[in-house]
Protein backbone atom coordinates (compact mmCIF):
# COMPACT_ATOMS: atom_id res chain seq x y z
CA MET A 1 -3.90 48.30 -6.75
CA LYS A 2 -1.39 48.60 -3.92
CA GLU A 3 1.01 51.50 -3.74
CA ASN A 4 4.38 50.52 -5.19
CA ILE A 5 6.95 52.19 -2.95
CA LEU A 6 9.90 51.04 -5.07
CA LEU A 7 8.35 52.50 -8.22
CA ASN A 8 7.63 55.80 -6.45
CA LEU A 9 11.21 56.00 -5.18
CA SER A 10 12.62 55.28 -8.63
CA ILE A 11 10.46 58.02 -10.17
CA GLY A 12 11.69 60.49 -7.54
CA PHE A 13 15.26 59.43 -8.28
CA SER A 14 14.69 59.94 -12.01
CA VAL A 15 13.34 63.46 -11.42
CA LYS A 16 16.42 64.38 -9.37
CA VAL A 17 18.77 62.95 -11.99
CA ILE A 18 17.00 64.84 -14.78
CA SER A 19 17.70 68.05 -12.84
CA LEU A 20 21.36 67.03 -12.65
CA VAL A 21 21.39 66.29 -16.39
CA LYS A 22 20.03 69.77 -17.13
CA ARG A 23 22.82 71.34 -15.07
CA LEU A 24 25.45 69.20 -16.76
CA ARG A 25 24.17 70.21 -20.19
CA GLU A 26 24.35 73.87 -19.21
CA ASN A 27 28.06 73.24 -18.61
CA LYS A 28 28.43 71.48 -21.98
CA GLU A 29 28.86 68.01 -20.41
CA THR A 30 26.63 66.30 -22.97
CA ILE A 31 28.20 62.85 -23.34
CA ILE A 32 28.08 61.90 -19.65
CA SER A 33 24.74 63.63 -19.11
CA ASN A 34 23.10 61.59 -21.88
CA GLN A 35 24.26 58.30 -20.37
CA ILE A 36 23.30 59.28 -16.83
CA GLY A 37 19.84 60.34 -17.99
CA ARG A 38 19.19 57.12 -19.90
CA SER A 39 20.39 54.90 -17.05
CA ALA A 40 18.45 56.70 -14.33
CA THR A 41 15.15 56.80 -16.18
CA SER A 42 15.37 53.18 -17.31
CA ILE A 43 15.30 51.99 -13.69
CA GLY A 44 11.72 53.16 -13.19
CA ALA A 45 10.72 51.92 -16.63
CA ASN A 46 12.01 48.42 -15.88
CA ILE A 47 10.33 48.34 -12.46
CA HIS A 48 7.05 49.41 -14.04
CA GLU A 49 7.42 46.83 -16.80
CA ALA A 50 8.18 44.09 -14.26
CA GLN A 51 4.72 44.54 -12.74
CA TYR A 52 3.23 43.20 -15.96
CA GLY A 53 5.66 40.34 -16.56
CA ASN A 54 4.38 37.21 -18.25
CA SER A 55 5.79 34.94 -15.56
CA LYS A 56 7.62 35.00 -12.26
CA ALA A 57 10.89 34.51 -14.15
CA ASP A 58 10.09 37.50 -16.39
CA PHE A 59 9.25 39.59 -13.33
CA ILE A 60 12.58 38.70 -11.71
CA ALA A 61 14.51 39.32 -14.93
CA LYS A 62 13.10 42.86 -15.21
CA PHE A 63 14.11 43.62 -11.64
CA HIS A 64 17.63 42.34 -12.34
CA ILE A 65 17.85 44.73 -15.29
CA ALA A 66 16.70 47.61 -13.05
CA LEU A 67 19.29 46.61 -10.46
CA LYS A 68 22.08 46.68 -13.06
CA ASP A 69 21.04 50.16 -14.18
């Protein structure tokens, strides 16, 4: 299977955001850190899921969700 550059970039982004979330939680910023963590990690999850879409329309829909996140 070909290397998926977009997926690799989104995973790197998620790792960086998780580090940010840890620092925010150390400063008791839990509400915003929870939302940031969920949004950032869902990007990679949606990109990964799009690879296995049932149709071209499903593939595009998953990428639109990732774009919104």
